[in-house]
C-alpha atoms as a PDB file:
ATOM      1  CA  MET A   1     -16.763  10.913 -19.076  1.00  0.00           C
ATOM      2  CA  GLU A   2     -16.882   9.837 -22.865  1.00  0.00           C
ATOM      3  CA  ARG A   3     -12.783   8.823 -24.279  1.00  0.00           C
ATOM      4  CA  GLU A   4     -11.980   8.268 -27.649  1.00  0.00           C
ATOM      5  CA  VAL A   5     -10.910   4.068 -27.839  1.00  0.00           C
ATOM      6  CA  SER A   6      -8.677   3.190 -30.365  1.00  0.00           C
ATOM      7  CA  VAL A   7      -9.590  -0.017 -31.598  1.00  0.00           C
ATOM      8  CA  ASP A   8      -6.939  -2.781 -33.201  1.00  0.00           C
ATOM      9  CA  LYS A   9      -8.294  -6.214 -33.504  1.00  0.00           C
ATOM     10  CA  ASP A  10      -4.587  -7.095 -34.547  1.00  0.00           C
ATOM     11  CA  ARG A  11      -3.292  -7.485 -31.502  1.00  0.00           C
ATOM     12  CA  ARG A  12      -0.962  -9.882 -30.805  1.00  0.00           C
ATOM     13  CA  LYS A  13      -1.754 -12.633 -27.770  1.00  0.00           C
ATOM     14  CA  TYR A  14       1.416 -11.859 -24.758  1.00  0.00           C
ATOM     15  CA  GLU A  15       1.218  -7.733 -24.830  1.00  0.00           C
ATOM     16  CA  LYS A  16       1.873  -6.137 -21.608  1.00  0.00           C
ATOM     17  CA  ILE A  17      -1.300  -4.178 -19.954  1.00  0.00           C
ATOM     18  CA  LYS A  18       0.377  -2.463 -16.489  1.00  0.00           C
ATOM     19  CA  LEU A  19      -2.085  -0.494 -13.724  1.00  0.00           C
ATOM     20  CA  TYR A  20      -0.320   2.733 -13.021  1.00  0.00           C
ATOM     21  CA  LEU A  21      -1.663   5.747 -12.023  1.00  0.00           C
ATOM     22  CA  GLU A  22      -0.021   9.352 -13.623  1.00  0.00           C
ATOM     23  CA  TYR A  23      -2.019  12.353 -12.561  1.00  0.00           C
ATOM     24  CA  GLN A  24      -4.231  13.548 -15.644  1.00  0.00           C
ATOM     25  CA  CYS A  25      -3.589  10.042 -17.634  1.00  0.00           C
ATOM     26  CA  TYR A  26      -6.521   7.030 -17.898  1.00  0.00           C
ATOM     27  CA  PRO A  27      -4.950   4.358 -15.838  1.00  0.00           C
ATOM     28  CA  MET A  28      -4.509   1.513 -18.324  1.00  0.00           C
ATOM     29  CA  TRP A  29      -1.083   1.321 -19.871  1.00  0.00           C
ATOM     30  CA  ILE A  30      -0.721  -1.112 -22.998  1.00  0.00           C
ATOM     31  CA  TYR A  31       2.459  -2.037 -24.409  1.00  0.00           C
ATOM     32  CA  ASP A  32       3.736  -4.662 -27.529  1.00  0.00           C
ATOM     33  CA  GLU A  33       5.144  -7.720 -27.456  1.00  0.00           C
ATOM     34  CA  ASN A  34       8.812  -5.087 -27.339  1.00  0.00           C
ATOM     35  CA  GLY A  35       7.794  -3.125 -24.578  1.00  0.00           C
ATOM     36  CA  GLU A  36       6.389  -0.041 -26.618  1.00  0.00           C
ATOM     37  CA  LEU A  37       4.103   1.909 -25.634  1.00  0.00           C
ATOM     38  CA  VAL A  38       0.538   1.388 -27.690  1.00  0.00           C
ATOM     39  CA  ASP A  39      -1.482   3.049 -25.783  1.00  0.00           C
ATOM     40  CA  ASN A  40      -3.387   4.325 -21.928  1.00  0.00           C
ATOM     41  CA  ASN A  41      -7.233   3.707 -22.890  1.00  0.00           C
ATOM     42  CA  ILE A  42      -9.132   1.386 -21.878  1.00  0.00           C
ATOM     43  CA  ALA A  43      -8.435  -2.276 -23.559  1.00  0.00           C
ATOM     44  CA  SER A  44     -10.624  -3.008 -26.780  1.00  0.00           C
ATOM     45  CA  GLU A  45     -11.356  -6.189 -24.689  1.00  0.00           C
ATOM     46  CA  LEU A  46     -13.210  -4.532 -22.074  1.00  0.00           C
ATOM     47  CA  MET A  47     -14.415  -1.309 -23.631  1.00  0.00           C
ATOM     48  CA  ASN A  48     -18.541  -3.096 -23.091  1.00  0.00           C
ATOM     49  CA  GLU A  49     -17.110  -3.753 -19.127  1.00  0.00           C
ATOM     50  CA  GLN A  50     -18.955  -0.807 -18.045  1.00  0.00           C
ATOM     51  CA  SER A  51     -17.934  -1.579 -14.440  1.00  0.00           C
ATOM     52  CA  ILE A  52     -13.827  -2.398 -15.383  1.00  0.00           C
ATOM     53  CA  VAL A  53     -14.734   1.209 -16.856  1.00  0.00           C
ATOM     54  CA  LYS A  54     -16.584   2.527 -14.648  1.00  0.00           C
ATOM     55  CA  ALA A  55     -13.845   1.727 -12.008  1.00  0.00           C
ATOM     56  CA  LEU A  56     -10.829   3.504 -13.362  1.00  0.00           C
ATOM     57  CA  ASP A  57     -12.606   5.994 -14.298  1.00  0.00           C
ATOM     58  CA  ALA A  58     -13.056   6.029  -9.891  1.00  0.00           C
ATOM     59  CA  ILE A  59      -9.949   5.199  -9.598  1.00  0.00           C
ATOM     60  CA  GLN A  60      -8.368   7.723 -11.733  1.00  0.00           C
ATOM     61  CA  GLU A  61     -10.780  10.092 -10.302  1.00  0.00           C
ATOM     62  CA  THR A  62      -9.428   9.482  -6.979  1.00  0.00           C
ATOM     63  CA  TYR A  63      -6.123   9.903  -7.307  1.00  0.00           C
ATOM     64  CA  ASP A  64      -6.015  13.285  -9.467  1.00  0.00           C
ATOM     65  CA  ASN A  65      -8.090  14.566  -6.151  1.00  0.00           C
ATOM     66  CA  LEU A  66      -5.504  13.957  -4.098  1.00  0.00           C
ATOM     67  CA  PHE A  67      -3.589  17.020  -5.157  1.00  0.00           C
ATOM     68  CA  GLU A  68      -3.972  20.212  -5.306  1.00  0.00           C
ATOM     69  CA  ASP A  69      -3.252  22.004  -8.808  1.00  0.00           C
ATOM     70  CA  ASN A  70      -3.958  25.816  -9.281  1.00  0.00           C
ATOM     71  CA  GLU A  71      -2.089  28.870 -10.772  1.00  0.00           C
ATOM     72  CA  VAL A  72      -0.443  28.688  -7.595  1.00  0.00           C
ATOM     73  CA  SER A  73       0.597  25.078  -6.564  1.00  0.00           C
ATOM     74  CA  PHE A  74       1.050  21.764  -7.923  1.00  0.00           C
ATOM     75  CA  GLU A  75       1.244  19.944  -4.728  1.00  0.00           C
ATOM     76  CA  PHE A  76      -0.319  16.688  -2.838  1.00  0.00           C
ATOM     77  CA  LYS A  77      -2.610  16.566  -0.212  1.00  0.00           C
ATOM     78  CA  GLY A  78      -3.591  13.308   0.288  1.00  0.00           C
ATOM     79  CA  PHE A  79      -6.482  11.176   1.576  1.00  0.00           C
ATOM     80  CA  ALA A  80      -9.433  13.203   3.997  1.00  0.00           C
ATOM     81  CA  GLN A  81     -10.076   9.507   6.172  1.00  0.00           C
ATOM     82  CA  GLU A  82      -7.721   6.793   6.465  1.00  0.00           C
ATOM     83  CA  GLN A  83     -11.191   4.704   5.565  1.00  0.00           C
ATOM     84  CA  ASP A  84     -11.224   6.759   1.861  1.00  0.00           C
ATOM     85  CA  ARG A  85      -7.548   4.936   1.272  1.00  0.00           C
ATOM     86  CA  GLU A  86      -8.292   2.084   2.248  1.00  0.00           C
ATOM     87  CA  HIS A  87     -11.413   1.831   0.807  1.00  0.00           C
ATOM     88  CA  PHE A  88      -9.491   2.903  -2.068  1.00  0.00           C
ATOM     89  CA  LEU A  89      -7.268   0.008  -2.172  1.00  0.00           C
ATOM     90  CA  ARG A  90     -10.189  -2.016  -2.152  1.00  0.00           C
ATOM     91  CA  LEU A  91     -11.283  -1.073  -5.497  1.00  0.00           C
ATOM     92  CA  VAL A  92      -7.919  -1.118  -6.901  1.00  0.00           C
ATOM     93  CA  SER A  93      -7.808  -3.987  -6.344  1.00  0.00           C
ATOM     94  CA  GLU A  94     -10.350  -5.578  -6.936  1.00  0.00           C
ATOM     95  CA  THR A  95     -10.302  -3.939 -10.449  1.00  0.00           C
ATOM     96  CA  ALA A  96      -7.038  -5.638 -10.838  1.00  0.00           C
ATOM     97  CA  ASN A  97      -8.510  -8.704  -9.821  1.00  0.00           C
ATOM     98  CA  SER A  98     -11.791  -8.293 -12.264  1.00  0.00           C
ATOM     99  CA  ILE A  99      -9.156  -6.477 -15.733  1.00  0.00           C
ATOM    100  CA  GLU A 100      -6.484 -10.054 -14.723  1.00  0.00           C
ATOM    101  CA  SER A 101      -9.528 -12.568 -14.890  1.00  0.00           C
ATOM    102  CA  LYS A 102     -10.572 -11.120 -18.398  1.00  0.00           C
ATOM    103  CA  LEU A 103      -7.592 -10.308 -20.394  1.00  0.00           C
ATOM    104  CA  SER A 104      -5.184 -13.831 -18.514  1.00  0.00           C
ATOM    105  CA  ASP A 105      -5.543 -15.731 -21.931  1.00  0.00           C
ATOM    106  CA  ASN A 106      -4.161 -12.491 -24.391  1.00  0.00           C
ATOM    107  CA  TYR A 107      -2.624 -10.330 -21.606  1.00  0.00           C
ATOM    108  CA  LYS A 108      -0.423 -10.190 -19.101  1.00  0.00           C
ATOM    109  CA  VAL A 109      -1.940  -7.853 -16.812  1.00  0.00           C
ATOM    110  CA  GLU A 110       0.093  -5.758 -14.275  1.00  0.00           C
ATOM    111  CA  ASN A 111      -0.613  -3.606 -11.333  1.00  0.00           C
ATOM    112  CA  LYS A 112       1.569  -1.191 -10.321  1.00  0.00           C
ATOM    113  CA  ILE A 113      -0.899   1.341  -9.178  1.00  0.00           C
ATOM    114  CA  ILE A 114       0.480   1.119  -5.856  1.00  0.00           C
ATOM    115  CA  LEU A 115       4.379   2.100  -6.447  1.00  0.00           C
ATOM    116  CA  TRP A 116       6.902   3.262  -4.037  1.00  0.00           C
ATOM    117  CA  GLU A 117       5.864   6.705  -4.625  1.00  0.00           C
ATOM    118  CA  PHE A 118       2.082   6.522  -4.464  1.00  0.00           C
ATOM    119  CA  ILE A 119       3.925   4.915  -0.767  1.00  0.00           C
ATOM    120  CA  THR A 120       5.832   7.609  -0.078  1.00  0.00           C
ATOM    121  CA  LEU A 121       3.067  10.012  -0.956  1.00  0.00           C
ATOM    122  CA  THR A 122       0.528   9.063   0.784  1.00  0.00           C
ATOM    123  CA  GLY A 123       2.693   7.498   4.075  1.00  0.00           C
ATOM    124  CA  TYR A 124       0.780   4.760   3.938  1.00  0.00           C
ATOM    125  CA  MET A 125       2.215   0.778   3.339  1.00  0.00           C
ATOM    126  CA  PRO A 126      -0.168  -2.036   3.802  1.00  0.00           C
ATOM    127  CA  PHE A 127       1.329  -5.575   4.175  1.00  0.00           C
ATOM    128  CA  LYS A 128      -0.461  -6.763   1.124  1.00  0.00           C
ATOM    129  CA  VAL A 129       0.949  -3.844  -1.211  1.00  0.00           C
ATOM    130  CA  PHE A 130       3.930  -6.553  -1.904  1.00  0.00           C
ATOM    131  CA  TYR A 131       0.903  -9.207  -3.372  1.00  0.00           C
ATOM    132  CA  PHE A 132      -0.528  -6.418  -5.825  1.00  0.00           C
ATOM    133  CA  ASN A 133       1.790  -8.002  -8.861  1.00  0.00           C
ATOM    134  CA  LEU A 134      -0.551  -9.550 -11.498  1.00  0.00           C
ATOM    135  CA  TYR A 135       1.176 -12.929 -12.567  1.00  0.00           C
END
């Protein structure tokens, strides 16, 4: 999937990046120092990090595929198998850790992918969910 990336070379230090899932949106949300949304795309500093780009694409594709969306209905269908859910959670955790290690000098990175609404939808609440925020 090709994506246009806006590159802002004047980014100030300590902006915030939130990893967050929204149906058919990119899972990276970039905020300025005032908390205003700047972009919903890959951070320019990560454009050449193909493993991170591919992982974020896979995370969003997996999330989008958890829903049935057609002319008749839009509904959550969930993971087909438990190991699919576990693989997804591992990918999210590993990707968030990689992003944190690459961007922690310039951004505060928050992993908000595993939220109460997602837990409620999937019916799954792993113990490690409480350790997903990266500060």
